[in-house]
């Protein structure tokens, strides 16, 4: 029997070697790996602090991501971990649905301004199942948090232009989507301009990611 309050967090994580290629013009490959790990750790620390979540799943085959998952007691799924963001989340949603869990909130590992308060706001805004809640990226193009009840209620397809297609997909499933706009969840880091925007956001949050960027003293964020 599905429990309506049984919401699991799902975080897909690519292999960190070669991560964040779009930042290659401003960061070295070791820096990009370090950035990816710091952002993921910031995200996981927040998720584990949200008592309303039933559990956390990391979809990955990356050793560092696996280590971080084990540190917080998260489950690690490897099925479809190399099938991109969409494939990884879809596989996790199907697995959670088979297990009878009530819902899934999926967030990427590159939103280091995520806070427990924002996660709680998304959970509170979510309606009775079947339901679909979404937080768009700051550019209104990407989908930075998606909450589905049941976990596989709506077919998902992530990418640079997934927000409006996700709204359409929910409506095709007979579900009116709930939209929540939040600055922390909305601030993903993919491009050099995102680094600068993240570093200048107020109020400042003392995340691992911000400390790392300050230590590097990058010209674009001074």
Protein backbone atom coordinates (compact mmCIF):
# COMPACT_ATOMS: atom_id res chain seq x y z
CA UNK A 1 0.00 0.00 0.00
CA UNK A 2 1.37 3.44 -0.94
CA UNK A 3 1.84 5.93 1.90
CA UNK A 4 1.08 9.50 0.80
CA UNK A 5 3.76 10.97 3.08
CA UNK A 6 6.46 8.49 2.06
CA UNK A 7 8.58 10.81 -0.11
CA UNK A 8 12.10 9.83 -1.16
CA UNK A 9 14.74 12.19 -2.52
CA UNK A 10 16.56 11.09 -5.67
CA UNK A 11 19.84 12.67 -6.81
CA UNK A 12 21.39 11.51 -10.11
CA UNK A 13 25.17 11.94 -10.19
CA UNK A 14 27.35 11.56 -13.26
CA UNK A 15 30.92 10.35 -12.97
CA UNK A 16 32.96 13.29 -11.72
CA UNK A 17 35.85 12.69 -14.08
CA UNK A 18 35.11 15.10 -16.89
CA UNK A 19 32.32 16.82 -14.94
CA UNK A 20 31.03 20.29 -15.80
CA UNK A 21 32.57 20.57 -19.27
CA UNK A 22 30.85 23.90 -19.88
CA UNK A 23 33.09 25.41 -17.18
CA UNK A 24 36.27 24.25 -18.92
CA UNK A 25 37.06 27.80 -20.02
CA UNK A 26 37.46 29.00 -16.43
CA UNK A 27 38.22 25.87 -14.37
CA UNK A 28 40.77 23.09 -14.77
CA UNK A 29 39.63 19.47 -14.84
CA UNK A 30 40.70 18.87 -11.18
CA UNK A 31 38.86 22.05 -10.18
CA UNK A 32 35.71 20.90 -11.96
CA UNK A 33 35.89 17.56 -10.14
CA UNK A 34 36.34 19.34 -6.81
CA UNK A 35 33.45 21.69 -7.59
CA UNK A 36 31.14 18.79 -8.48
CA UNK A 37 32.00 16.99 -5.24
CA UNK A 38 31.52 20.12 -3.12
CA UNK A 39 28.15 20.93 -4.66
CA UNK A 40 26.95 17.36 -4.19
CA UNK A 41 28.05 17.35 -0.57
CA UNK A 42 26.19 20.62 0.06
CA UNK A 43 23.03 19.16 -1.49
CA UNK A 44 23.25 15.89 0.45
CA UNK A 45 23.86 17.64 3.77
CA UNK A 46 20.62 19.57 3.27
CA UNK A 47 18.57 16.57 2.20
CA UNK A 48 19.66 14.47 5.16
CA UNK A 49 18.53 17.27 7.50
CA UNK A 50 14.93 17.23 6.19
CA UNK A 51 13.09 14.93 8.57
CA UNK A 52 9.98 14.84 6.35
CA UNK A 53 11.88 12.83 3.73
CA UNK A 54 11.61 9.07 4.07
CA UNK A 55 15.04 8.46 2.56
CA UNK A 56 17.61 9.44 -0.04
CA UNK A 57 18.69 7.63 -3.20
CA UNK A 58 21.84 8.49 -5.15
CA UNK A 59 21.90 7.10 -8.69
CA UNK A 60 25.58 6.79 -9.57
CA UNK A 61 28.57 4.62 -10.32
CA UNK A 62 31.02 7.34 -9.29
CA UNK A 63 33.27 6.29 -6.37
CA UNK A 64 33.30 9.70 -4.67
CA UNK A 65 29.53 10.09 -4.94
CA UNK A 66 29.13 6.56 -3.57
CA UNK A 67 31.37 7.43 -0.61
CA UNK A 68 29.36 10.57 0.14
CA UNK A 69 26.11 8.59 -0.10
CA UNK A 70 27.39 5.97 2.32
CA UNK A 71 28.51 8.68 4.76
CA UNK A 72 24.92 9.91 5.16
CA UNK A 73 23.27 6.49 4.96
CA UNK A 74 21.71 7.03 1.53
CA UNK A 75 20.85 4.17 -0.79
CA UNK A 76 22.91 3.85 -3.97
CA UNK A 77 21.24 2.73 -7.19
CA UNK A 78 23.51 1.89 -10.11
CA UNK A 79 20.85 0.90 -12.66
CA UNK A 80 20.79 3.42 -15.54
CA UNK A 81 23.40 5.58 -13.79
CA UNK A 82 25.16 6.06 -17.13
CA UNK A 83 21.92 6.72 -19.05
CA UNK A 84 21.91 10.47 -18.45
CA UNK A 85 19.80 12.52 -16.04
CA UNK A 86 16.50 11.33 -17.48
CA UNK A 87 17.43 7.65 -17.55
CA UNK A 88 18.81 7.68 -14.01
CA UNK A 89 15.80 9.43 -12.48
CA UNK A 90 13.30 7.34 -14.43
CA UNK A 91 14.93 4.10 -13.25
CA UNK A 92 14.88 5.30 -9.65
CA UNK A 93 11.24 6.39 -9.91
CA UNK A 94 10.22 2.99 -11.24
CA UNK A 95 12.15 1.20 -8.49
CA UNK A 96 10.57 3.34 -5.76
CA UNK A 97 7.11 2.79 -7.27
CA UNK A 98 7.68 -0.99 -7.31
CA UNK A 99 8.60 -0.81 -3.64
CA UNK A 100 5.32 0.98 -2.91
CA UNK A 101 6.70 4.36 -1.86
CA UNK A 102 4.37 7.35 -1.99
CA UNK A 103 6.46 9.82 -3.96
CA UNK A 104 9.80 11.04 -5.22
CA UNK A 105 11.43 14.46 -5.19
CA UNK A 106 14.40 14.63 -7.51
CA UNK A 107 17.01 17.38 -7.44
CA UNK A 108 20.36 17.67 -9.23
CA UNK A 109 23.67 17.65 -7.40
CA UNK A 110 24.64 21.12 -8.62
CA UNK A 111 22.31 23.39 -6.62
CA UNK A 112 24.53 24.24 -3.62
CA UNK A 113 22.21 27.02 -2.37
CA UNK A 114 19.56 24.42 -1.59
CA UNK A 115 18.18 24.79 1.93
CA UNK A 116 16.06 22.60 4.17
CA UNK A 117 13.47 25.40 4.29
CA UNK A 118 13.10 25.33 0.49
CA UNK A 119 12.74 21.54 0.42
CA UNK A 120 10.06 21.82 3.10
CA UNK A 121 8.23 24.47 1.05
CA UNK A 122 8.11 22.13 -1.95
CA UNK A 123 6.82 19.27 0.20
CA UNK A 124 4.17 21.51 1.76
CA UNK A 125 2.98 22.83 -1.62
CA UNK A 126 2.57 19.30 -3.01
CA UNK A 127 -1.03 18.15 -3.41
CA UNK A 128 -2.71 14.83 -2.74
CA UNK A 129 -1.68 12.07 -5.18
CA UNK A 130 -1.69 11.87 -8.09
CA UNK A 131 0.28 15.10 -8.02
CA UNK A 132 3.19 16.87 -9.66
CA UNK A 133 5.17 19.81 -8.25
CA UNK A 134 8.05 21.53 -10.03
CA UNK A 135 10.65 24.20 -9.26
CA UNK A 136 12.10 25.74 -12.44
CA UNK A 137 15.70 26.78 -12.91
CA UNK A 138 16.49 30.50 -12.64
CA UNK A 139 16.22 30.82 -16.42
CA UNK A 140 12.74 29.21 -16.55
CA UNK A 141 14.13 26.59 -18.90
CA UNK A 142 15.43 23.73 -16.75
CA UNK A 143 13.60 21.70 -14.10
CA UNK A 144 15.60 21.86 -10.87
CA UNK A 145 13.22 20.01 -8.56
CA UNK A 146 10.38 17.69 -9.48
CA UNK A 147 8.10 16.00 -6.96
CA UNK A 148 5.85 13.21 -8.21
CA UNK A 149 3.25 11.18 -6.30
CA UNK A 150 3.34 8.30 -7.02
CA UNK A 151 7.02 8.33 -8.04
CA UNK A 152 6.26 7.45 -11.66
CA UNK A 153 3.12 9.60 -11.99
CA UNK A 154 4.51 11.64 -14.91
CA UNK A 155 7.09 10.67 -17.56
CA UNK A 156 10.14 12.88 -17.06
CA UNK A 157 12.62 14.18 -19.62
CA UNK A 158 15.32 16.49 -18.34
CA UNK A 159 17.49 18.87 -20.34
CA UNK A 160 18.21 22.54 -20.94
CA UNK A 161 14.61 23.18 -22.01
CA UNK A 162 12.56 20.79 -19.85
CA UNK A 163 10.41 23.06 -17.66
CA UNK A 164 7.50 23.77 -20.00
CA UNK A 165 7.57 20.24 -21.50
CA UNK A 166 7.25 18.89 -17.94
CA UNK A 167 4.19 21.07 -17.34
CA UNK A 168 2.67 19.70 -20.55
CA UNK A 169 3.55 16.11 -19.58
CA UNK A 170 1.79 16.46 -16.22
CA UNK A 171 -1.33 17.86 -17.86
CA UNK A 172 -1.36 15.02 -20.39
CA UNK A 173 -1.47 12.69 -17.38
CA UNK A 174 -4.50 14.54 -16.03
CA UNK A 175 -2.52 16.36 -13.32
CA UNK A 176 -2.45 20.14 -12.95
CA UNK A 177 1.15 20.95 -11.97
CA UNK A 178 2.02 23.01 -8.93
CA UNK A 179 4.81 25.51 -9.64
CA UNK A 180 7.04 26.79 -6.83
CA UNK A 181 9.78 29.32 -7.56
CA UNK A 182 12.69 29.25 -5.11
CA UNK A 183 16.04 31.04 -5.49
CA UNK A 184 18.22 28.35 -3.94
CA UNK A 185 16.80 25.40 -5.87
CA UNK A 186 16.67 27.57 -8.98
CA UNK A 187 20.40 28.37 -8.88
CA UNK A 188 22.15 25.53 -10.68
CA UNK A 189 25.77 25.93 -11.77
CA UNK A 190 26.48 24.98 -15.38
CA UNK A 191 28.05 28.05 -17.02
CA UNK A 192 30.71 30.59 -15.98
CA UNK A 193 28.00 33.22 -15.50
CA UNK A 194 26.31 30.88 -13.01
CA UNK A 195 29.46 30.82 -10.88
CA UNK A 196 29.43 34.61 -10.66
CA UNK A 197 25.69 34.76 -9.95
CA UNK A 198 25.98 32.11 -7.25
CA UNK A 199 28.87 33.87 -5.51
CA UNK A 200 26.96 37.17 -5.42
CA UNK A 201 23.62 35.87 -4.16
CA UNK A 202 22.34 37.34 -0.91
CA UNK A 203 22.21 36.52 1.85
CA UNK A 204 25.51 34.62 1.59
CA UNK A 205 25.32 30.98 2.68
CA UNK A 206 28.51 29.47 4.05
CA UNK A 207 28.47 26.40 1.86
CA UNK A 208 31.44 24.23 0.94
CA UNK A 209 30.98 25.40 -2.62
CA UNK A 210 31.22 29.09 -1.80
CA UNK A 211 34.30 28.49 0.37
CA UNK A 212 35.91 26.61 -2.50
CA UNK A 213 35.27 29.40 -5.00
CA UNK A 214 36.56 32.02 -2.57
CA UNK A 215 39.73 30.00 -2.06
CA UNK A 216 40.34 29.86 -5.81
CA UNK A 217 39.94 33.65 -6.15
CA UNK A 218 38.52 33.42 -9.66
CA UNK A 219 38.57 36.76 -11.55
CA UNK A 220 34.95 36.36 -12.71
CA UNK A 221 33.55 36.29 -9.16
CA UNK A 222 35.54 39.14 -7.61
